[in-house]
Amino acid sequence: MSANDLRSSPAWTALQRHFSDARDWRLRDLFNADSHRFQSFSEQAAGIFLDYSKNLVSRDTMDLLCTLARERGVEARREAMFSGEKINHTEQRAVLHTLLRAPRGEQLMIDGQDLAAEVHQVLDRLGHFAERVRSGAWTGYTGEQITDVVNIGIGGSYLGPKMACQALRSVSHPRIAMHFVSNVDGHDLDALLARVKPETTLFIVASKTFTTQETMMNAQSARAWFLTHGEEKHLAQHFVAVSTNTKAVTEFGIDPANMFGFWDWVGGRYSVWSAIGLPLAIAIGADGFREFLSGAHGMDQHFRSAPLERNLPAILALVGIWNRNFLGSTSISVAPYHQDLASFPGYLEQLEMESNGKGVDLDGAPVTVATCPVIWGDTGTNGQHAYFQMLHQGTDPVPVDFIAALQPSHALPGHQEALLANCFAQSEALMRGKTGDEVRAELQAQGMAPDRIEALVAHRTFPGNRPSNTLLLDALTPASLGALIALYEHKVFVQGVIWGVNSFDQWGVELGKVLAKAIQHELSGAPNAGAHDASTNGLIARARQALLAQPLTDA
């Protein structure tokens, strides 16, 4: 048995005993028995209010979960992360995305270097460049102002900036449209290039090594497209890089003065706070970007100092542990009731599943409990007319995180009241359900015949007792978005510590990349080495036949 085996924790054993009673609880009964349940199971910090009262937990449940977190060393591990210890042990790296949003003047010395000072040097350069683009001082090769910014990246270099720019659309620069390309599928880039003008488009190539296959293929195609209009000497006015590979960036045609670096202690899915956030800085301005960082720092301070019992990230994580490992939930649905947060569920998919979707613990032994659930979702109220049927009456109860902003960023009358009403109603419906007797009473009041009522009762009954959290922002601003993202980052951290996995590596993405390189050569005409299985060989052969049959087209 690994020393990290969660089942050996006394608190885990106590939780198992506690669950033998809790498995029969009904949320309706918990609310009926405690008129102060909402106040007892809600917290707020850094501009975010969390209501977790609609979970199948009692105060004893939460106390036992906090004891588990302490037994697993969450507090010590938290301090190790903030202090710059190399907690990413498989890559021997520190995990310091929190340093990226620390205010000017803080100091963190690692190996004789003041990393905080380096961070602010990059942020200053980033902000200065962003303001030049926004003001029109930075122009294209014809002297026209930039109207379109195209970010080329993948993974965290794509999901973070895209999500944040979309979320903060209402405070973005009115002249500049932001675009994001990640997919190696040429249809993605091809469709975009048809809509932008080379004279007024700025490309940001985001790749730390400047060798990421998908990113560099898209970047080279964008470069070739640009050169059908401009000249090589113009490249530097239309391409900038977020990278550390000065040689490759220069060879591409980008001026190293317009290369913005970051560090190996910045993981891709934690990188939106770094130079990877350049698109966001251009969209909302240097001051707005600083507000974004400040909001995240506010959540960092809360996470680092608040006791676990009142700590928003810890509470969200511990409720998630309870739902996953005791109630058996295999997925979580994220339902933001704000259209500008449409990409937030997709962002959390990477953040949570790439971080904690692990099958071995820190010792390299197989984990003995379930780890990260599947994260998925869509905006409300769209989801209500799609997958919410399954949430209410499906066979697998799925916890939901409802997210809403109390104040809208539009002036359309009536819409916000309708939106919030739907958000609150859905969480209430999931919690309460509808009994057979309630269905009968409702249909009888409509004058329906008794035999018809009985035929419909089972179809119109809702089991209820389905857990959810509700997170409320006062408004969706740079600061509140920063705090929201940081909240989920720290939730992931706490759960990773409890499960005993390394939340900061991602070896699972490597194997497919390696195999793809060989297959790509074979699809391009190289002899098939026959090293694949029969299915893969058959698919390669069929694809090669189709590719060879393609008619040639002019470039």
Protein backbone atom coordinates (compact mmCIF):
# COMPACT_ATOMS: atom_id res chain seq x y z
CA MET A 1 0.00 0.00 0.00
CA SER A 2 1.33 3.44 -0.91
CA ALA A 3 1.99 5.88 1.91
CA ASN A 4 -0.35 8.20 0.02
CA ASP A 5 -3.26 5.73 0.16
CA LEU A 6 -6.22 7.89 1.10
CA ARG A 7 -8.06 4.95 2.64
CA SER A 8 -5.47 4.79 5.45
CA SER A 9 -6.54 8.21 6.75
CA PRO A 10 -8.50 8.04 10.04
CA ALA A 11 -10.66 10.91 8.79
CA TRP A 12 -11.54 8.88 5.68
CA THR A 13 -12.68 6.01 7.88
CA ALA A 14 -14.73 8.42 9.97
CA LEU A 15 -16.32 9.84 6.82
CA GLN A 16 -17.25 6.34 5.67
CA ARG A 17 -19.02 5.72 8.99
CA HIS A 18 -20.72 9.11 8.72
CA PHE A 19 -21.87 8.34 5.18
CA SER A 20 -23.73 5.25 6.36
CA ASP A 21 -26.25 7.66 7.92
CA ALA A 22 -25.93 10.49 5.40
CA ARG A 23 -26.79 8.32 2.41
CA ASP A 24 -30.45 8.43 3.44
CA TRP A 25 -30.67 12.19 3.95
CA ARG A 26 -33.13 14.28 1.98
CA LEU A 27 -32.32 17.90 1.18
CA ARG A 28 -35.94 18.91 1.76
CA ASP A 29 -35.71 17.53 5.28
CA LEU A 30 -32.40 19.26 5.98
CA PHE A 31 -33.89 22.62 5.03
CA ASN A 32 -37.10 21.98 6.97
CA ALA A 33 -35.10 21.08 10.07
CA ASP A 34 -32.83 24.16 9.98
CA SER A 35 -34.26 27.59 9.19
CA HIS A 36 -30.72 29.00 9.18
CA ARG A 37 -29.25 26.45 6.79
CA PHE A 38 -28.60 29.03 4.06
CA GLN A 39 -26.67 31.27 6.44
CA SER A 40 -24.77 28.31 7.91
CA PHE A 41 -23.67 26.93 4.57
CA SER A 42 -22.67 30.03 2.63
CA GLU A 43 -19.48 32.10 2.55
CA GLN A 44 -18.09 35.05 0.64
CA ALA A 45 -14.63 36.36 -0.17
CA ALA A 46 -12.86 38.41 -2.86
CA GLY A 47 -16.20 39.52 -4.32
CA ILE A 48 -17.66 36.01 -4.70
CA PHE A 49 -20.58 34.61 -2.71
CA LEU A 50 -20.87 30.81 -2.43
CA ASP A 51 -24.09 29.07 -1.38
CA TYR A 52 -23.38 25.38 -0.80
CA SER A 53 -26.45 24.71 1.34
CA LYS A 54 -28.07 22.61 -1.42
CA ASN A 55 -25.52 19.83 -0.89
CA LEU A 56 -26.12 16.70 1.17
CA VAL A 57 -23.86 17.87 3.98
CA SER A 58 -24.26 18.70 7.65
CA ARG A 59 -21.90 20.62 9.92
CA ASP A 60 -20.49 17.25 11.01
CA THR A 61 -19.85 16.39 7.36
CA MET A 62 -17.91 19.58 6.79
CA ASP A 63 -15.95 19.20 10.03
CA LEU A 64 -14.92 15.67 9.05
CA LEU A 65 -13.95 16.84 5.55
CA CYS A 66 -11.82 19.64 7.04
CA THR A 67 -10.16 17.09 9.31
CA LEU A 68 -9.42 14.99 6.23
CA ALA A 69 -7.86 17.99 4.50
CA ARG A 70 -5.63 18.64 7.50
CA GLU A 71 -4.61 14.98 7.76
CA ARG A 72 -3.65 15.03 4.08
CA GLY A 73 -1.48 18.10 4.62
CA VAL A 74 -3.44 20.65 2.60
CA GLU A 75 -2.31 23.59 4.71
CA ALA A 76 1.38 22.67 4.64
CA ARG A 77 1.23 21.90 0.93
CA ARG A 78 -0.52 25.23 0.32
CA GLU A 79 2.30 27.12 2.03
CA ALA A 80 4.88 25.11 0.09
CA MET A 81 3.24 26.19 -3.18
CA PHE A 82 3.13 29.87 -2.26
CA SER A 83 6.73 29.72 -1.02
CA GLY A 84 8.09 28.40 -4.30
CA GLU A 85 8.95 24.84 -3.30
CA LYS A 86 9.15 22.41 -6.22
CA ILE A 87 5.85 20.69 -5.53
CA ASN A 88 5.59 19.55 -9.17
CA HIS A 89 7.93 16.69 -8.33
CA THR A 90 7.78 14.77 -11.63
CA GLU A 91 9.15 17.81 -13.47
CA GLN A 92 11.10 19.27 -10.53
CA ARG A 93 9.39 22.63 -10.86
CA ALA A 94 7.88 25.19 -8.57
CA VAL A 95 4.20 26.09 -9.07
CA LEU A 96 4.00 29.85 -8.90
CA HIS A 97 1.09 31.07 -10.97
CA THR A 98 0.04 32.95 -7.82
CA LEU A 99 3.22 35.04 -8.12
CA LEU A 100 2.05 36.30 -11.51
CA ARG A 101 -0.74 38.28 -9.82
CA ALA A 102 1.14 39.43 -6.72
CA PRO A 103 1.25 43.22 -6.40
CA ARG A 104 4.34 45.24 -7.20
CA GLY A 105 6.75 45.38 -4.30
CA GLU A 106 6.33 41.81 -3.10
CA GLN A 107 9.52 39.78 -3.24
CA LEU A 108 10.15 36.07 -3.77
CA MET A 109 13.77 34.95 -4.00
CA ILE A 110 14.36 31.62 -5.74
CA ASP A 111 17.92 30.47 -6.47
CA GLY A 112 19.18 34.00 -5.88
CA GLN A 113 16.69 35.65 -8.27
CA ASP A 114 13.83 37.97 -7.37
CA LEU A 115 11.13 36.33 -9.45
CA ALA A 116 8.53 38.92 -8.48
CA ALA A 117 10.63 41.71 -10.00
CA GLU A 118 11.03 39.70 -13.22
CA VAL A 119 7.27 39.18 -13.40
CA HIS A 120 6.56 42.89 -13.19
CA GLN A 121 9.18 43.69 -15.81
CA VAL A 122 7.30 41.47 -18.26
CA LEU A 123 3.93 42.88 -17.17
CA ASP A 124 5.18 46.41 -17.75
CA ARG A 125 6.37 45.53 -21.27
CA LEU A 126 3.11 43.70 -21.91
CA GLY A 127 1.02 46.66 -20.80
CA HIS A 128 3.08 49.16 -22.81
CA PHE A 129 2.70 47.09 -25.99
CA ALA A 130 -1.04 46.57 -25.39
CA GLU A 131 -1.59 50.31 -25.03
CA ARG A 132 0.29 51.03 -28.25
CA VAL A 133 -2.01 48.68 -30.14
CA ARG A 134 -5.11 50.09 -28.45
CA SER A 135 -4.16 53.72 -29.08
CA GLY A 136 -3.33 53.13 -32.73
CA ALA A 137 0.35 54.02 -32.26
CA TRP A 138 1.20 50.48 -33.40
CA THR A 139 0.12 50.19 -37.03
CA GLY A 140 0.27 47.70 -39.84
CA TYR A 141 2.62 48.03 -42.79
CA THR A 142 0.29 50.43 -44.63
CA GLY A 143 0.04 52.74 -41.61
CA GLU A 144 -3.50 51.66 -40.76
CA GLN A 145 -4.53 50.92 -37.18
CA ILE A 146 -4.90 47.32 -36.02
CA THR A 147 -8.52 46.17 -36.14
CA ASP A 148 -8.09 42.42 -35.60
CA VAL A 149 -5.86 40.45 -33.25
CA VAL A 150 -5.44 36.73 -33.92
CA ASN A 151 -4.05 34.62 -31.09
CA ILE A 152 -2.48 31.36 -32.31
CA GLY A 153 -1.93 28.85 -29.53
CA ILE A 154 -3.34 25.64 -28.08
CA GLY A 155 -4.31 24.30 -24.67
CA GLY A 156 -3.82 26.94 -22.00
CA SER A 157 -2.38 29.32 -24.57
CA TYR A 158 -5.78 29.28 -26.25
CA LEU A 159 -8.46 28.39 -23.71
CA GLY A 160 -7.48 30.96 -21.08
CA PRO A 161 -7.16 34.07 -23.27
CA LYS A 162 -10.22 33.13 -25.33
CA MET A 163 -12.39 32.55 -22.29
CA ALA A 164 -11.27 35.75 -20.57
CA CYS A 165 -11.63 37.95 -23.66
CA GLN A 166 -15.12 36.59 -24.26
CA ALA A 167 -16.06 37.03 -20.60
CA LEU A 168 -14.93 40.67 -20.57
CA ARG A 169 -16.38 41.57 -23.96
CA SER A 170 -18.43 44.41 -22.48
CA VAL A 171 -15.31 46.32 -21.38
CA SER A 172 -13.14 45.51 -24.39
CA HIS A 173 -11.77 47.96 -26.97
CA PRO A 174 -14.52 48.78 -29.48
CA ARG A 175 -12.20 48.92 -32.51
CA ILE A 176 -10.29 45.71 -32.01
CA ALA A 177 -11.82 42.29 -32.63
CA MET A 178 -10.18 39.34 -30.89
CA HIS A 179 -9.86 35.97 -32.65
CA PHE A 180 -8.44 32.65 -31.47
CA VAL A 181 -7.06 29.79 -33.54
CA SER A 182 -5.88 26.53 -32.02
CA ASN A 183 -7.06 23.56 -34.04
CA VAL A 184 -4.58 22.00 -36.45
CA ASP A 185 -7.66 21.40 -38.59
CA GLY A 186 -7.11 23.91 -41.40
CA HIS A 187 -10.81 24.75 -41.55
CA ASP A 188 -10.36 26.79 -38.38
CA LEU A 189 -7.65 29.10 -39.70
CA ASP A 190 -9.00 29.14 -43.27
CA ALA A 191 -12.39 30.46 -42.14
CA LEU A 192 -10.74 33.19 -40.09
CA LEU A 193 -8.30 34.39 -42.75
CA ALA A 194 -11.21 34.91 -45.10
CA ARG A 195 -12.62 37.50 -42.69
CA VAL A 196 -9.59 39.63 -41.83
CA LYS A 197 -7.33 42.03 -43.74
CA PRO A 198 -3.57 41.51 -43.65
CA GLU A 199 -2.97 45.27 -43.47
CA THR A 200 -4.84 45.60 -40.15
CA THR A 201 -4.31 42.21 -38.50
CA LEU A 202 -1.87 41.44 -35.70
CA PHE A 203 -0.95 37.81 -35.00
CA ILE A 204 0.19 36.63 -31.57
CA VAL A 205 2.02 33.30 -31.74
CA ALA A 206 1.91 31.73 -28.28
CA SER A 207 4.32 28.83 -27.83
CA LYS A 208 6.91 28.70 -25.07
CA THR A 209 9.34 26.62 -27.15
CA PHE A 210 8.10 27.86 -30.54
CA THR A 211 7.94 24.21 -31.57
CA THR A 212 4.39 23.20 -30.56
CA GLN A 213 3.17 21.32 -33.62
CA GLU A 214 -0.38 22.65 -33.91
CA THR A 215 0.60 26.22 -33.07
CA MET A 216 3.55 26.37 -35.42
CA MET A 217 1.64 24.79 -38.32
CA ASN A 218 -1.05 27.45 -37.94
CA ALA A 219 1.57 30.18 -37.51
CA GLN A 220 3.45 29.14 -40.65
CA SER A 221 0.20 29.05 -42.62
CA ALA A 222 -0.73 32.51 -41.34
CA ARG A 223 2.74 33.74 -42.26
CA ALA A 224 2.41 32.34 -45.80
CA TRP A 225 -1.02 33.96 -46.15
CA PHE A 226 0.36 37.31 -45.02
CA LEU A 227 3.26 37.11 -47.49
CA THR A 228 0.83 36.84 -50.38
CA HIS A 229 -0.01 40.47 -49.56
CA GLY A 230 2.91 41.99 -47.66
CA GLU A 231 6.67 41.46 -47.72
CA GLU A 232 9.01 39.73 -45.29
CA LYS A 233 10.21 43.07 -43.97
CA HIS A 234 6.62 43.74 -42.88
CA LEU A 235 6.30 40.58 -40.77
CA ALA A 236 7.60 42.29 -37.64
CA GLN A 237 4.67 44.73 -37.71
CA HIS A 238 2.10 41.96 -37.87
CA PHE A 239 3.54 39.10 -35.80
CA VAL A 240 4.59 39.06 -32.15
CA ALA A 241 5.46 36.09 -29.96
CA VAL A 242 4.86 34.79 -26.47
CA SER A 243 7.84 32.48 -26.22
CA THR A 244 11.30 31.91 -24.76
CA ASN A 245 12.99 30.69 -27.97
CA THR A 246 14.66 33.85 -29.28
CA LYS A 247 16.42 32.08 -32.15
CA ALA A 248 13.26 30.47 -33.58
CA VAL A 249 11.23 33.65 -33.09
CA THR A 250 13.82 35.70 -34.97
CA GLU A 251 14.04 33.18 -37.81
CA PHE A 252 10.25 33.37 -38.15
CA GLY A 253 10.55 37.11 -38.78
CA ILE A 254 9.48 38.45 -35.39
CA ASP A 255 11.51 41.21 -33.74
CA PRO A 256 12.85 39.81 -30.40
CA ALA A 257 11.87 43.16 -28.87
CA ASN A 258 8.28 41.99 -29.40
CA MET A 259 8.80 38.59 -27.78
CA PHE A 260 7.23 38.24 -24.34
CA GLY A 261 8.58 35.45 -22.16
CA PHE A 262 7.38 33.42 -19.23
CA TRP A 263 8.82 30.74 -16.99
CA ASP A 264 8.85 26.97 -16.58
CA TRP A 265 6.98 27.33 -13.29
CA VAL A 266 3.95 28.60 -15.25
CA GLY A 267 1.87 25.63 -16.37
CA GLY A 268 -0.16 26.08 -19.54
CA ARG A 269 -3.55 25.86 -17.86
CA TYR A 270 -2.38 28.37 -15.23
CA SER A 271 -0.81 30.81 -17.69
CA VAL A 272 -3.53 33.36 -18.51
CA TRP A 273 -1.98 35.60 -15.83
CA SER A 274 1.34 35.69 -17.69
CA ALA A 275 2.34 37.00 -21.11
CA ILE A 276 -0.11 34.41 -22.46
CA GLY A 277 -2.71 36.99 -21.39
CA LEU A 278 -1.46 39.50 -23.99
CA PRO A 279 -4.72 39.26 -26.02
CA LEU A 280 -6.66 40.10 -22.88
CA ALA A 281 -4.38 43.04 -22.09
CA ILE A 282 -5.00 44.39 -25.58
CA ALA A 283 -8.74 43.85 -25.24
CA ILE A 284 -9.27 45.45 -21.81
CA GLY A 285 -6.13 47.58 -21.48
CA ALA A 286 -3.16 47.52 -19.14
CA ASP A 287 -5.19 48.87 -16.22
CA GLY A 288 -7.95 46.34 -16.80
CA PHE A 289 -5.41 43.53 -16.92
CA ARG A 290 -3.97 44.69 -13.59
CA GLU A 291 -7.50 44.62 -12.13
CA PHE A 292 -7.86 41.07 -13.43
CA LEU A 293 -4.64 40.10 -11.64
CA SER A 294 -5.71 41.97 -8.51
CA GLY A 295 -8.97 40.05 -8.29
CA ALA A 296 -7.09 36.76 -8.46
CA HIS A 297 -4.62 37.99 -5.83
CA GLY A 298 -7.53 38.78 -3.53
CA MET A 299 -8.66 35.16 -3.79
CA ASP A 300 -5.05 34.01 -3.27
CA GLN A 301 -4.85 35.94 -0.01
CA HIS A 302 -8.15 34.51 1.15
CA PHE A 303 -7.12 30.95 0.23
CA ARG A 304 -3.75 31.30 1.96
CA SER A 305 -5.05 32.78 5.22
CA ALA A 306 -8.66 31.75 5.85
CA PRO A 307 -9.34 28.67 7.99
CA LEU A 308 -10.52 25.71 5.95
CA GLU A 309 -13.99 25.92 7.48
CA ARG A 310 -14.51 29.38 5.92
CA ASN A 311 -12.21 29.05 2.92
CA LEU A 312 -14.10 29.23 -0.38
CA PRO A 313 -11.72 27.11 -2.49
CA ALA A 314 -11.41 24.55 0.30
CA ILE A 315 -15.18 24.36 0.76
CA LEU A 316 -15.78 23.92 -2.97
CA ALA A 317 -13.09 21.22 -3.07
CA LEU A 318 -14.31 19.35 0.01
CA VAL A 319 -17.94 19.33 -1.11
CA GLY A 320 -16.61 17.98 -4.41
CA ILE A 321 -14.73 15.21 -2.58
CA TRP A 322 -17.92 14.29 -0.72
CA ASN A 323 -19.97 14.21 -3.91
CA ARG A 324 -17.34 12.29 -5.88
CA ASN A 325 -16.00 9.77 -3.40
CA PHE A 326 -18.99 9.15 -1.16
CA LEU A 327 -22.11 10.01 -3.16
CA GLY A 328 -20.51 8.52 -6.30
CA SER A 329 -20.97 11.42 -8.71
CA THR A 330 -18.99 10.79 -11.89
CA SER A 331 -19.36 14.25 -13.41
CA ILE A 332 -20.03 17.91 -12.59
CA SER A 333 -22.03 20.24 -14.78
CA VAL A 334 -21.00 23.90 -14.81
CA ALA A 335 -23.87 26.23 -15.73
CA PRO A 336 -22.92 29.89 -16.00
CA TYR A 337 -26.00 32.09 -16.24
CA HIS A 338 -24.12 34.76 -18.18
CA GLN A 339 -23.62 34.47 -21.92
CA ASP A 340 -20.19 36.07 -21.76
CA LEU A 341 -19.05 33.08 -19.65
CA ALA A 342 -19.93 30.66 -22.45
CA SER A 343 -16.35 29.39 -22.66
CA PHE A 344 -15.90 29.01 -18.90
CA PRO A 345 -17.05 25.36 -18.72
CA GLY A 346 -14.56 24.48 -21.47
CA TYR A 347 -11.83 26.32 -19.60
CA LEU A 348 -12.60 24.32 -16.45
CA GLU A 349 -12.51 21.09 -18.43
CA GLN A 350 -8.79 21.58 -18.99
CA LEU A 351 -8.08 23.11 -15.59
CA GLU A 352 -9.67 20.28 -13.63
CA MET A 353 -9.33 17.21 -15.82
CA GLU A 354 -5.77 17.86 -17.02
CA SER A 355 -4.76 18.62 -13.43
CA ASN A 356 -6.46 15.85 -11.47
CA GLY A 357 -7.34 13.29 -14.13
CA LYS A 358 -4.61 11.03 -12.80
CA GLY A 359 -4.50 7.31 -12.02
CA VAL A 360 -1.30 7.18 -9.96
CA ASP A 361 -0.38 8.94 -6.75
CA LEU A 362 2.75 10.89 -5.82
CA ASP A 363 4.59 7.61 -5.16
CA GLY A 364 3.70 6.29 -8.61
CA ALA A 365 1.30 3.73 -7.13
CA PRO A 366 -2.24 3.28 -8.47
CA VAL A 367 -4.75 5.51 -6.71
CA THR A 368 -7.27 3.60 -4.65
CA VAL A 369 -10.20 6.02 -4.89
CA ALA A 370 -11.87 7.85 -7.77
CA THR A 371 -10.17 11.11 -8.76
CA CYS A 372 -11.34 13.91 -11.05
CA PRO A 373 -14.93 13.67 -12.31
CA VAL A 374 -15.87 14.69 -15.83
CA ILE A 375 -16.41 18.47 -16.10
CA TRP A 376 -18.91 19.72 -18.67
CA GLY A 377 -21.63 22.28 -19.19
CA ASP A 378 -23.14 25.16 -21.11
CA THR A 379 -24.71 28.54 -20.45
CA GLY A 380 -28.09 28.88 -18.85
CA THR A 381 -30.75 29.13 -20.04
CA ASN A 382 -29.58 27.21 -23.12
CA GLY A 383 -28.78 24.12 -21.08
CA GLN A 384 -32.30 24.04 -19.68
CA HIS A 385 -33.59 23.26 -23.16
CA ALA A 386 -30.90 20.67 -23.84
CA TYR A 387 -29.31 18.51 -21.14
CA PHE A 388 -31.18 19.66 -18.01
CA GLN A 389 -33.74 16.91 -18.65
CA MET A 390 -31.04 14.42 -17.66
CA LEU A 391 -30.03 16.49 -14.63
CA HIS A 392 -33.58 16.42 -13.28
CA GLN A 393 -34.78 12.93 -14.17
CA GLY A 394 -31.76 10.94 -15.35
CA THR A 395 -30.44 7.87 -13.59
CA ASP A 396 -27.11 9.44 -12.61
CA PRO A 397 -27.33 12.42 -10.24
CA VAL A 398 -24.95 15.15 -11.43
CA PRO A 399 -23.90 17.98 -9.10
CA VAL A 400 -24.16 21.43 -10.71
CA ASP A 401 -22.19 24.62 -10.18
CA PHE A 402 -24.51 27.53 -11.01
CA ILE A 403 -22.66 30.80 -11.66
CA ALA A 404 -24.37 34.17 -12.06
CA ALA A 405 -23.66 37.88 -11.91
CA LEU A 406 -26.23 39.95 -10.06
CA GLN A 407 -25.76 43.08 -12.17
CA PRO A 408 -25.86 42.86 -15.98
CA SER A 409 -23.59 44.74 -18.36
CA HIS A 410 -26.52 45.64 -20.64
CA ALA A 411 -29.57 47.87 -20.28
CA LEU A 412 -32.25 45.63 -21.80
CA PRO A 413 -35.26 45.69 -19.43
CA GLY A 414 -36.49 42.50 -17.82
CA HIS A 415 -33.78 40.17 -19.09
CA GLN A 416 -31.68 40.00 -15.91
CA GLU A 417 -34.67 39.26 -13.70
CA ALA A 418 -35.71 36.43 -16.03
CA LEU A 419 -32.16 35.06 -16.14
CA LEU A 420 -31.67 35.04 -12.37
CA ALA A 421 -35.15 33.60 -11.83
CA ASN A 422 -34.24 30.66 -14.05
CA CYS A 423 -30.91 30.15 -12.31
CA PHE A 424 -32.39 30.09 -8.82
CA ALA A 425 -35.38 28.01 -9.92
CA GLN A 426 -33.21 25.30 -11.43
CA SER A 427 -31.19 24.82 -8.26
CA GLU A 428 -34.41 24.75 -6.23
CA ALA A 429 -35.98 22.22 -8.58
CA LEU A 430 -32.93 19.96 -8.42
CA MET A 431 -33.01 20.12 -4.64
CA ARG A 432 -36.79 19.79 -4.06
CA GLY A 433 -37.94 17.59 -6.89
CA LYS A 434 -41.65 16.83 -7.17
CA THR A 435 -43.41 13.97 -5.41
CA GLY A 436 -46.13 11.78 -6.84
CA ASP A 437 -48.68 13.37 -4.52
CA GLU A 438 -47.67 16.84 -5.69
CA VAL A 439 -48.09 15.72 -9.31
CA ARG A 440 -51.54 14.32 -8.55
CA ALA A 441 -52.65 17.50 -6.81
CA GLU A 442 -51.42 19.65 -9.68
CA LEU A 443 -53.20 17.57 -12.35
CA GLN A 444 -56.38 17.28 -10.34
CA ALA A 445 -56.48 21.09 -10.12
CA GLN A 446 -56.36 21.11 -13.92
CA GLY A 447 -59.44 18.85 -14.04
CA MET A 448 -57.64 15.84 -15.51
CA ALA A 449 -59.36 12.44 -15.30
CA PRO A 450 -58.05 10.14 -12.52
CA ASP A 451 -56.95 7.33 -14.86
CA ARG A 452 -55.02 9.80 -17.03
CA ILE A 453 -53.40 11.30 -13.92
CA GLU A 454 -52.15 7.90 -12.77
CA ALA A 455 -50.75 7.19 -16.22
CA LEU A 456 -48.68 10.38 -16.03
CA VAL A 457 -47.55 10.42 -12.39
CA ALA A 458 -44.30 8.51 -12.89
CA HIS A 459 -43.36 10.59 -15.93
CA ARG A 460 -43.91 13.89 -14.14
CA THR A 461 -42.26 12.99 -10.84
CA PHE A 462 -38.82 14.48 -10.11
CA PRO A 463 -36.62 12.65 -7.59
CA GLY A 464 -34.91 15.83 -6.40
CA ASN A 465 -32.19 15.55 -3.74
CA ARG A 466 -29.64 16.53 -6.38
CA PRO A 467 -26.79 18.70 -5.09
CA SER A 468 -25.66 22.05 -6.41
CA ASN A 469 -23.55 25.09 -5.56
CA THR A 470 -24.48 28.64 -6.51
CA LEU A 471 -21.72 31.21 -6.99
CA LEU A 472 -22.74 34.85 -7.28
CA LEU A 473 -20.64 37.77 -8.52
CA ASP A 474 -21.84 41.32 -8.02
CA ALA A 475 -20.99 41.91 -11.69
CA LEU A 476 -18.72 40.31 -14.27
CA THR A 477 -15.66 42.57 -14.16
CA PRO A 478 -11.92 42.01 -14.66
CA ALA A 479 -11.48 41.71 -10.89
CA SER A 480 -14.39 39.32 -10.30
CA LEU A 481 -13.37 37.12 -13.24
CA GLY A 482 -9.84 36.94 -11.84
CA ALA A 483 -11.19 35.90 -8.45
CA LEU A 484 -13.50 33.29 -10.00
CA ILE A 485 -10.70 31.64 -11.96
CA ALA A 486 -8.39 31.64 -8.93
CA LEU A 487 -11.17 30.09 -6.84
CA TYR A 488 -11.32 27.09 -9.16
CA GLU A 489 -7.52 26.86 -9.43
CA HIS A 490 -7.25 26.51 -5.68
CA LYS A 491 -10.17 24.08 -5.57
CA VAL A 492 -8.19 21.86 -7.95
CA PHE A 493 -5.11 22.19 -5.74
CA VAL A 494 -6.96 21.10 -2.58
CA GLN A 495 -8.54 18.10 -4.28
CA GLY A 496 -5.20 17.06 -5.78
CA VAL A 497 -3.56 17.10 -2.35
CA ILE A 498 -6.37 15.04 -0.83
CA TRP A 499 -6.31 12.49 -3.65
CA GLY A 500 -2.50 12.42 -3.46
CA VAL A 501 -1.88 13.20 -7.13
CA ASN A 502 0.37 15.72 -8.85
CA SER A 503 -2.01 18.38 -10.17
CA PHE A 504 0.70 20.14 -12.17
CA ASP A 505 1.99 17.67 -14.75
CA GLN A 506 0.15 16.28 -17.79
CA TRP A 507 2.01 13.28 -19.14
CA GLY A 508 -1.25 11.87 -20.47
CA VAL A 509 -1.18 14.25 -23.43
CA GLU A 510 2.19 13.03 -24.70
CA LEU A 511 1.57 9.55 -26.12
CA GLY A 512 -0.91 10.65 -28.77
CA LYS A 513 1.48 13.40 -29.90
CA VAL A 514 4.32 10.91 -30.40
CA LEU A 515 2.17 8.47 -32.36
CA ALA A 516 0.71 11.28 -34.47
CA LYS A 517 4.14 12.28 -35.78
CA ALA A 518 4.77 8.85 -37.29
CA ILE A 519 1.26 8.63 -38.71
CA GLN A 520 1.52 12.09 -40.24
CA HIS A 521 4.67 11.04 -42.14
CA GLU A 522 2.86 7.97 -43.41
CA LEU A 523 -0.15 10.01 -44.50
CA SER A 524 2.22 12.30 -46.40
CA GLY A 525 3.65 9.42 -48.40
CA ALA A 526 6.30 7.77 -46.24
CA PRO A 527 6.19 3.96 -46.28
CA ASN A 528 3.91 2.47 -43.66
CA ALA A 529 6.19 0.65 -41.25
CA GLY A 530 3.37 -1.69 -40.31
CA ALA A 531 4.00 -1.05 -36.65
CA HIS A 532 0.40 -0.12 -35.93
CA ASP A 533 -2.56 -2.32 -35.10
CA ALA A 534 -4.82 -3.53 -37.89
CA SER A 535 -7.42 -0.82 -37.24
CA THR A 536 -4.92 2.05 -37.37
CA ASN A 537 -3.24 0.59 -40.48
CA GLY A 538 -6.61 0.33 -42.18
CA LEU A 539 -7.53 3.91 -41.31
CA ILE A 540 -4.16 5.19 -42.60
CA ALA A 541 -4.57 3.32 -45.87
CA ARG A 542 -8.08 4.63 -46.40
CA ALA A 543 -7.02 8.21 -45.63
CA ARG A 544 -3.99 8.02 -47.93
CA GLN A 545 -6.20 6.84 -50.76
CA ALA A 546 -8.55 9.80 -50.23
CA LEU A 547 -5.69 12.32 -49.92
CA LEU A 548 -3.99 11.08 -53.09
CA ALA A 549 -7.29 11.41 -54.95
CA GLN A 550 -7.66 15.09 -54.01
CA PRO A 551 -7.47 17.42 -57.02
CA LEU A 552 -4.62 19.91 -56.89
CA THR A 553 -5.68 23.51 -56.24
CA ASP A 554 -3.84 26.75 -56.70
CA ALA A 555 -2.28 28.11 -53.50
